[in-house]
Amino acid sequence: MFHVDGAVFVSDRGDLTARMEAEYDQRITQRLFVQPRIEIELSAQDIAERGIGAGITKIEPGVRMRYEFKPEFAPYIGLEYEAALGKTADIIRADGDDPDGVKIVIGLQSRFSDKTEATGPQPPLSSERNPVAATSPTNELPHREDGAFRNW
């Protein structure tokens, strides 16, 4: 599955930056995935206090391997190359640092879903939340006189 994300940021000083990410989930087995990915950061202007120059400021290509125990729980390990570009790289070099490098990433991908949205509202589970259930001998949902179910 191919994913693309983007975000635009405006600081309280009016500094405009953006980030774009793209990744592709390639299934190897039922639970094992390889995920090539790339992240690009941009800035509309120089931001001296953050050490950022205008233009494309950083690029991070990489690859991750993920094992899904469940879709909601999937640890991963990966390798990423991070490189500052343009004026940002010049600022980093002027400070005596290296503008690029390789890093190992380890993490956990998790997903949260609300089961009630997919299946609709669920009836109350106990008599504490449903006083009619405590008084109904068969615990059936009470009906209106026209035969329809009552909404709780």
N, C-alpha and C. Protein backbone atom coordinates (compact mmCIF):
# COMPACT_ATOMS: atom_id res chain seq x y z
N MET A 1 0.85 -1.17 0.00
CA MET A 1 0.00 0.00 0.00
C MET A 1 0.90 1.24 0.00
N PHE A 2 0.55 2.20 -0.80
CA PHE A 2 1.32 3.42 -0.95
C PHE A 2 0.71 4.52 -0.08
N HIS A 3 1.52 5.18 0.75
CA HIS A 3 1.06 6.24 1.63
C HIS A 3 1.82 7.53 1.31
N VAL A 4 1.11 8.64 1.28
CA VAL A 4 1.72 9.95 1.11
C VAL A 4 1.15 10.87 2.18
N ASP A 5 2.02 11.55 2.90
CA ASP A 5 1.61 12.50 3.94
C ASP A 5 2.30 13.82 3.69
N GLY A 6 1.63 14.88 4.07
CA GLY A 6 2.23 16.20 3.96
C GLY A 6 1.75 17.07 5.09
N ALA A 7 2.59 18.00 5.49
CA ALA A 7 2.22 18.93 6.57
C ALA A 7 2.89 20.28 6.29
N VAL A 8 2.18 21.33 6.62
CA VAL A 8 2.69 22.70 6.50
C VAL A 8 2.69 23.30 7.90
N PHE A 9 3.77 24.00 8.24
CA PHE A 9 3.91 24.58 9.57
C PHE A 9 4.14 26.09 9.46
N VAL A 10 3.46 26.85 10.28
CA VAL A 10 3.67 28.30 10.37
C VAL A 10 3.99 28.61 11.83
N SER A 11 5.15 29.24 12.06
CA SER A 11 5.53 29.56 13.44
C SER A 11 4.84 30.85 13.88
N ASP A 12 4.98 31.17 15.16
CA ASP A 12 4.40 32.41 15.68
C ASP A 12 5.11 33.64 15.11
N ARG A 13 6.26 33.43 14.48
CA ARG A 13 6.99 34.54 13.82
C ARG A 13 6.68 34.61 12.32
N GLY A 14 5.83 33.71 11.84
CA GLY A 14 5.48 33.70 10.43
C GLY A 14 6.40 32.85 9.56
N ASP A 15 7.29 32.07 10.17
CA ASP A 15 8.18 31.19 9.40
C ASP A 15 7.35 30.05 8.82
N LEU A 16 7.52 29.77 7.53
CA LEU A 16 6.75 28.75 6.83
C LEU A 16 7.66 27.59 6.45
N THR A 17 7.33 26.40 6.95
CA THR A 17 8.07 25.19 6.60
C THR A 17 7.07 24.11 6.23
N ALA A 18 7.58 23.06 5.58
CA ALA A 18 6.71 21.96 5.16
C ALA A 18 7.49 20.65 5.21
N ARG A 19 6.73 19.56 5.31
CA ARG A 19 7.33 18.22 5.30
C ARG A 19 6.45 17.31 4.45
N MET A 20 7.06 16.51 3.59
CA MET A 20 6.35 15.54 2.77
C MET A 20 6.98 14.17 3.00
N GLU A 21 6.13 13.15 3.13
CA GLU A 21 6.60 11.79 3.32
C GLU A 21 5.88 10.88 2.34
N ALA A 22 6.59 9.88 1.84
CA ALA A 22 5.98 8.86 0.99
C ALA A 22 6.58 7.52 1.39
N GLU A 23 5.74 6.51 1.45
CA GLU A 23 6.21 5.17 1.81
C GLU A 23 5.34 4.14 1.12
N TYR A 24 5.93 2.96 0.92
CA TYR A 24 5.23 1.88 0.24
C TYR A 24 5.38 0.62 1.08
N ASP A 25 4.28 -0.02 1.42
CA ASP A 25 4.31 -1.28 2.17
C ASP A 25 4.36 -2.45 1.19
N GLN A 26 5.49 -3.15 1.17
CA GLN A 26 5.64 -4.32 0.32
C GLN A 26 5.57 -5.57 1.20
N ARG A 27 4.52 -6.37 1.00
CA ARG A 27 4.33 -7.58 1.81
C ARG A 27 5.31 -8.66 1.34
N ILE A 28 6.05 -9.22 2.30
CA ILE A 28 6.97 -10.31 2.02
C ILE A 28 6.30 -11.64 2.39
N THR A 29 5.71 -11.70 3.59
CA THR A 29 4.90 -12.84 4.02
C THR A 29 3.59 -12.26 4.55
N GLN A 30 2.77 -13.11 5.16
CA GLN A 30 1.49 -12.62 5.70
C GLN A 30 1.69 -11.52 6.74
N ARG A 31 2.80 -11.56 7.47
CA ARG A 31 3.01 -10.60 8.55
C ARG A 31 4.26 -9.73 8.40
N LEU A 32 5.14 -10.06 7.49
CA LEU A 32 6.40 -9.35 7.34
C LEU A 32 6.31 -8.38 6.16
N PHE A 33 6.70 -7.12 6.41
CA PHE A 33 6.63 -6.08 5.39
C PHE A 33 7.98 -5.38 5.27
N VAL A 34 8.33 -4.98 4.06
CA VAL A 34 9.46 -4.08 3.82
C VAL A 34 8.86 -2.77 3.36
N GLN A 35 9.36 -1.67 3.93
CA GLN A 35 8.77 -0.37 3.66
C GLN A 35 9.84 0.62 3.23
N PRO A 36 10.04 0.79 1.90
CA PRO A 36 10.89 1.89 1.46
C PRO A 36 10.16 3.21 1.69
N ARG A 37 10.90 4.24 2.07
CA ARG A 37 10.26 5.52 2.39
C ARG A 37 11.20 6.68 2.10
N ILE A 38 10.61 7.85 1.97
CA ILE A 38 11.39 9.06 1.79
C ILE A 38 10.67 10.22 2.47
N GLU A 39 11.43 11.10 3.08
CA GLU A 39 10.89 12.29 3.74
C GLU A 39 11.69 13.49 3.24
N ILE A 40 10.98 14.56 2.89
CA ILE A 40 11.61 15.78 2.40
C ILE A 40 11.09 16.96 3.22
N GLU A 41 11.99 17.82 3.66
CA GLU A 41 11.60 19.01 4.40
C GLU A 41 11.97 20.25 3.60
N LEU A 42 11.10 21.28 3.67
CA LEU A 42 11.28 22.52 2.92
C LEU A 42 11.09 23.71 3.83
N SER A 43 11.69 24.84 3.43
CA SER A 43 11.50 26.08 4.17
C SER A 43 11.33 27.22 3.17
N ALA A 44 10.39 28.11 3.44
CA ALA A 44 10.14 29.24 2.54
C ALA A 44 11.16 30.35 2.71
N GLN A 45 11.84 30.39 3.87
CA GLN A 45 12.83 31.43 4.12
C GLN A 45 13.92 30.90 5.06
N ASP A 46 15.00 31.67 5.17
CA ASP A 46 16.06 31.32 6.11
C ASP A 46 15.52 31.52 7.54
N ILE A 47 15.84 30.56 8.41
CA ILE A 47 15.46 30.66 9.82
C ILE A 47 16.75 30.46 10.63
N ALA A 48 17.45 31.55 10.88
CA ALA A 48 18.78 31.48 11.49
C ALA A 48 18.78 30.80 12.86
N GLU A 49 17.78 31.11 13.70
CA GLU A 49 17.77 30.52 15.05
C GLU A 49 17.55 29.02 15.06
N ARG A 50 17.05 28.47 13.97
CA ARG A 50 16.88 27.01 13.86
C ARG A 50 17.92 26.38 12.95
N GLY A 51 18.82 27.19 12.38
CA GLY A 51 19.86 26.67 11.50
C GLY A 51 19.32 26.12 10.20
N ILE A 52 18.28 26.77 9.66
CA ILE A 52 17.62 26.31 8.44
C ILE A 52 17.75 27.38 7.36
N GLY A 53 18.11 26.93 6.15
CA GLY A 53 18.17 27.82 5.01
C GLY A 53 16.94 27.63 4.14
N ALA A 54 16.64 28.60 3.29
CA ALA A 54 15.48 28.52 2.41
C ALA A 54 15.67 27.44 1.35
N GLY A 55 14.57 26.83 0.95
CA GLY A 55 14.60 25.80 -0.09
C GLY A 55 14.38 24.41 0.51
N ILE A 56 14.85 23.40 -0.22
CA ILE A 56 14.79 22.02 0.30
C ILE A 56 15.87 21.92 1.37
N THR A 57 15.45 21.65 2.59
CA THR A 57 16.40 21.67 3.71
C THR A 57 16.95 20.31 4.07
N LYS A 58 16.15 19.25 3.89
CA LYS A 58 16.59 17.93 4.31
C LYS A 58 15.88 16.86 3.50
N ILE A 59 16.59 15.76 3.26
CA ILE A 59 16.00 14.61 2.60
C ILE A 59 16.42 13.37 3.39
N GLU A 60 15.47 12.44 3.59
CA GLU A 60 15.73 11.22 4.35
C GLU A 60 15.18 10.01 3.62
N PRO A 61 15.94 9.39 2.73
CA PRO A 61 15.49 8.11 2.17
C PRO A 61 15.85 6.99 3.14
N GLY A 62 15.05 5.93 3.14
CA GLY A 62 15.35 4.83 4.03
C GLY A 62 14.48 3.62 3.74
N VAL A 63 14.68 2.60 4.54
CA VAL A 63 13.90 1.37 4.43
C VAL A 63 13.68 0.81 5.84
N ARG A 64 12.50 0.28 6.05
CA ARG A 64 12.15 -0.33 7.34
C ARG A 64 11.61 -1.73 7.11
N MET A 65 11.85 -2.62 8.06
CA MET A 65 11.26 -3.95 8.04
C MET A 65 10.35 -4.05 9.25
N ARG A 66 9.09 -4.44 8.99
CA ARG A 66 8.07 -4.46 10.04
C ARG A 66 7.44 -5.84 10.12
N TYR A 67 7.21 -6.31 11.35
CA TYR A 67 6.51 -7.58 11.57
C TYR A 67 5.21 -7.29 12.31
N GLU A 68 4.08 -7.60 11.68
CA GLU A 68 2.77 -7.31 12.29
C GLU A 68 2.29 -8.53 13.08
N PHE A 69 2.48 -8.48 14.40
CA PHE A 69 1.88 -9.50 15.25
C PHE A 69 0.36 -9.42 15.12
N LYS A 70 -0.12 -8.20 15.15
CA LYS A 70 -1.51 -7.83 14.88
C LYS A 70 -1.42 -6.53 14.10
N PRO A 71 -2.45 -6.16 13.33
CA PRO A 71 -2.37 -4.87 12.63
C PRO A 71 -2.19 -3.70 13.60
N GLU A 72 -2.63 -3.86 14.85
CA GLU A 72 -2.52 -2.79 15.84
C GLU A 72 -1.16 -2.75 16.52
N PHE A 73 -0.31 -3.79 16.30
CA PHE A 73 0.96 -3.90 17.02
C PHE A 73 2.01 -4.44 16.06
N ALA A 74 2.93 -3.57 15.62
CA ALA A 74 3.92 -3.99 14.63
C ALA A 74 5.27 -3.30 14.90
N PRO A 75 6.22 -4.00 15.54
CA PRO A 75 7.54 -3.41 15.73
C PRO A 75 8.31 -3.38 14.41
N TYR A 76 9.24 -2.41 14.29
CA TYR A 76 10.03 -2.31 13.07
C TYR A 76 11.47 -1.93 13.39
N ILE A 77 12.34 -2.21 12.43
CA ILE A 77 13.74 -1.79 12.47
C ILE A 77 14.06 -1.27 11.08
N GLY A 78 14.90 -0.25 11.02
CA GLY A 78 15.19 0.31 9.71
C GLY A 78 16.52 1.02 9.64
N LEU A 79 16.85 1.43 8.43
CA LEU A 79 18.07 2.16 8.15
C LEU A 79 17.69 3.37 7.32
N GLU A 80 18.17 4.56 7.75
CA GLU A 80 17.84 5.79 7.04
C GLU A 80 19.11 6.62 6.82
N TYR A 81 19.14 7.27 5.67
CA TYR A 81 20.19 8.21 5.35
C TYR A 81 19.58 9.60 5.45
N GLU A 82 20.21 10.46 6.23
CA GLU A 82 19.70 11.83 6.42
C GLU A 82 20.73 12.81 5.88
N ALA A 83 20.27 13.72 5.01
CA ALA A 83 21.20 14.70 4.43
C ALA A 83 20.56 16.07 4.40
N ALA A 84 21.26 17.04 4.96
CA ALA A 84 20.83 18.43 4.83
C ALA A 84 21.30 18.91 3.47
N LEU A 85 20.51 19.80 2.87
CA LEU A 85 20.81 20.27 1.52
C LEU A 85 20.89 21.79 1.47
N GLY A 86 21.50 22.29 0.41
CA GLY A 86 21.51 23.73 0.14
C GLY A 86 22.09 24.58 1.26
N LYS A 87 21.39 25.68 1.55
CA LYS A 87 21.85 26.62 2.58
C LYS A 87 21.88 25.97 3.96
N THR A 88 20.96 25.04 4.20
CA THR A 88 20.94 24.35 5.51
C THR A 88 22.24 23.57 5.70
N ALA A 89 22.70 22.88 4.66
CA ALA A 89 23.96 22.13 4.75
C ALA A 89 25.14 23.08 4.97
N ASP A 90 25.10 24.25 4.32
CA ASP A 90 26.16 25.23 4.51
C ASP A 90 26.20 25.73 5.96
N ILE A 91 25.05 25.98 6.54
CA ILE A 91 24.97 26.43 7.94
C ILE A 91 25.52 25.37 8.88
N ILE A 92 25.18 24.10 8.63
CA ILE A 92 25.65 23.00 9.48
C ILE A 92 27.17 22.86 9.35
N ARG A 93 27.69 22.93 8.14
CA ARG A 93 29.15 22.84 7.93
C ARG A 93 29.87 24.00 8.63
N ALA A 94 29.30 25.20 8.55
CA ALA A 94 29.91 26.38 9.19
C ALA A 94 29.99 26.21 10.70
N ASP A 95 29.04 25.45 11.27
CA ASP A 95 29.06 25.17 12.71
C ASP A 95 30.00 24.02 13.06
N GLY A 96 30.64 23.41 12.04
CA GLY A 96 31.60 22.33 12.28
C GLY A 96 30.97 20.96 12.37
N ASP A 97 29.72 20.81 11.97
CA ASP A 97 29.06 19.51 12.01
C ASP A 97 28.96 18.91 10.62
N ASP A 98 28.63 17.63 10.56
CA ASP A 98 28.47 16.91 9.30
C ASP A 98 27.01 17.02 8.85
N PRO A 99 26.75 17.46 7.62
CA PRO A 99 25.37 17.65 7.18
C PRO A 99 24.65 16.37 6.76
N ASP A 100 25.33 15.22 6.80
CA ASP A 100 24.64 13.99 6.45
C ASP A 100 25.12 12.84 7.32
N GLY A 101 24.36 11.76 7.30
CA GLY A 101 24.71 10.60 8.10
C GLY A 101 23.68 9.50 7.97
N VAL A 102 24.06 8.34 8.44
CA VAL A 102 23.19 7.16 8.42
C VAL A 102 22.75 6.88 9.85
N LYS A 103 21.50 6.50 10.00
CA LYS A 103 21.00 6.17 11.34
C LYS A 103 20.16 4.90 11.29
N ILE A 104 20.16 4.19 12.40
CA ILE A 104 19.32 3.00 12.58
C ILE A 104 18.11 3.43 13.37
N VAL A 105 16.93 3.03 12.91
CA VAL A 105 15.70 3.37 13.62
C VAL A 105 15.03 2.08 14.10
N ILE A 106 14.52 2.13 15.30
CA ILE A 106 13.76 1.03 15.89
C ILE A 106 12.51 1.64 16.47
N GLY A 107 11.38 1.01 16.23
CA GLY A 107 10.14 1.59 16.74
C GLY A 107 8.99 0.62 16.74
N LEU A 108 7.83 1.17 17.04
CA LEU A 108 6.60 0.38 17.11
C LEU A 108 5.52 1.15 16.37
N GLN A 109 4.95 0.50 15.39
CA GLN A 109 3.82 1.09 14.68
C GLN A 109 2.55 0.56 15.34
N SER A 110 1.67 1.45 15.70
CA SER A 110 0.41 1.02 16.31
C SER A 110 -0.75 1.74 15.64
N ARG A 111 -1.86 1.08 15.61
CA ARG A 111 -3.07 1.66 15.04
C ARG A 111 -4.18 1.50 16.06
N PHE A 112 -5.02 2.49 16.13
CA PHE A 112 -6.15 2.45 17.04
C PHE A 112 -7.41 2.58 16.22
N SER A 113 -8.38 1.74 16.51
CA SER A 113 -9.65 1.84 15.79
C SER A 113 -10.79 1.76 16.80
N ASP A 114 -11.85 2.44 16.48
CA ASP A 114 -13.04 2.43 17.31
C ASP A 114 -14.02 1.45 16.68
N LYS A 115 -14.15 0.27 17.28
CA LYS A 115 -14.99 -0.79 16.72
C LYS A 115 -16.45 -0.37 16.62
N THR A 116 -16.90 0.55 17.47
CA THR A 116 -18.31 0.95 17.44
C THR A 116 -18.65 1.72 16.17
N GLU A 117 -17.67 2.42 15.58
CA GLU A 117 -17.94 3.14 14.35
C GLU A 117 -18.19 2.18 13.20
N ALA A 118 -17.41 1.10 13.15
CA ALA A 118 -17.54 0.17 12.04
C ALA A 118 -18.80 -0.69 12.16
N THR A 119 -19.19 -1.04 13.36
CA THR A 119 -20.33 -1.94 13.53
C THR A 119 -21.59 -1.23 13.99
N GLY A 120 -21.52 0.05 14.24
CA GLY A 120 -22.68 0.78 14.72
C GLY A 120 -22.71 0.83 16.23
N PRO A 121 -23.67 1.55 16.80
CA PRO A 121 -23.72 1.67 18.25
C PRO A 121 -24.04 0.32 18.90
N GLN A 122 -23.42 0.09 20.03
CA GLN A 122 -23.62 -1.16 20.75
C GLN A 122 -24.65 -0.96 21.86
N PRO A 123 -25.46 -1.98 22.15
CA PRO A 123 -26.43 -1.85 23.24
C PRO A 123 -25.71 -1.85 24.59
N PRO A 124 -26.34 -1.30 25.62
CA PRO A 124 -25.72 -1.31 26.94
C PRO A 124 -25.45 -2.73 27.40
N LEU A 125 -24.35 -2.92 28.15
CA LEU A 125 -23.95 -4.26 28.56
C LEU A 125 -24.49 -4.65 29.93
N SER A 126 -24.88 -3.72 30.74
CA SER A 126 -25.31 -4.07 32.09
C SER A 126 -26.56 -3.29 32.46
N SER A 127 -27.18 -3.75 33.55
CA SER A 127 -28.39 -3.08 34.02
C SER A 127 -28.07 -1.71 34.62
N GLU A 128 -26.77 -1.47 34.94
CA GLU A 128 -26.41 -0.16 35.47
C GLU A 128 -26.65 0.94 34.44
N ARG A 129 -26.37 0.63 33.17
CA ARG A 129 -26.55 1.62 32.13
C ARG A 129 -27.90 1.49 31.44
N ASN A 130 -28.65 0.43 31.74
CA ASN A 130 -29.93 0.20 31.09
C ASN A 130 -30.93 -0.24 32.15
N PRO A 131 -31.67 0.68 32.75
CA PRO A 131 -32.59 0.30 33.81
C PRO A 131 -33.69 -0.64 33.34
N VAL A 132 -34.03 -0.64 32.06
CA VAL A 132 -35.08 -1.53 31.56
C VAL A 132 -34.60 -2.97 31.59
N ALA A 133 -33.30 -3.21 31.36
CA ALA A 133 -32.77 -4.57 31.36
C ALA A 133 -32.93 -5.23 32.72
N ALA A 134 -32.87 -4.44 33.78
CA ALA A 134 -33.00 -4.99 35.12
C ALA A 134 -34.44 -5.40 35.41
N THR A 135 -35.41 -4.77 34.76
CA THR A 135 -36.80 -5.06 35.05
C THR A 135 -37.43 -6.00 34.02
N SER A 136 -36.79 -6.18 32.87
CA SER A 136 -37.34 -7.04 31.84
C SER A 136 -36.96 -8.48 32.14
N PRO A 137 -37.96 -9.39 32.29
CA PRO A 137 -37.64 -10.76 32.68
C PRO A 137 -36.83 -11.51 31.62
N THR A 138 -36.98 -11.17 30.36
CA THR A 138 -36.26 -11.89 29.30
C THR A 138 -35.06 -11.11 28.77
N ASN A 139 -34.83 -9.92 29.32
CA ASN A 139 -33.76 -9.04 28.86
C ASN A 139 -33.86 -8.73 27.38
N GLU A 140 -35.07 -8.74 26.83
CA GLU A 140 -35.27 -8.35 25.45
C GLU A 140 -35.35 -6.83 25.39
N LEU A 141 -35.04 -6.29 24.23
CA LEU A 141 -35.18 -4.86 24.05
C LEU A 141 -36.65 -4.49 24.04
N PRO A 142 -37.07 -3.49 24.79
CA PRO A 142 -38.48 -3.11 24.80
C PRO A 142 -38.90 -2.52 23.46
N HIS A 143 -40.14 -2.77 23.08
CA HIS A 143 -40.68 -2.27 21.82
C HIS A 143 -41.68 -1.17 22.09
N ARG A 144 -41.80 -0.26 21.14
CA ARG A 144 -42.86 0.73 21.22
C ARG A 144 -44.15 0.06 20.76
N GLU A 145 -45.24 0.76 20.94
CA GLU A 145 -46.52 0.19 20.55
C GLU A 145 -46.60 -0.09 19.06
N ASP A 146 -45.86 0.68 18.23
CA ASP A 146 -45.90 0.45 16.79
C ASP A 146 -44.95 -0.66 16.35
N GLY A 147 -44.29 -1.34 17.29
CA GLY A 147 -43.44 -2.49 16.99
C GLY A 147 -41.97 -2.15 16.77
N ALA A 148 -41.60 -0.88 16.74
CA ALA A 148 -40.19 -0.50 16.53
C ALA A 148 -39.42 -0.56 17.83
N PHE A 149 -38.11 -0.75 17.73
CA PHE A 149 -37.26 -0.73 18.93
C PHE A 149 -37.13 0.68 19.44
N ARG A 150 -37.00 0.83 20.74
CA ARG A 150 -36.74 2.14 21.33
C ARG A 150 -35.28 2.47 21.18
N ASN A 151 -34.96 3.72 20.97
CA ASN A 151 -33.55 4.16 20.90
C ASN A 151 -33.11 4.53 22.30
N TRP A 152 -31.94 4.10 22.66
CA TRP A 152 -31.41 4.41 24.00
C TRP A 152 -30.56 5.59 23.90
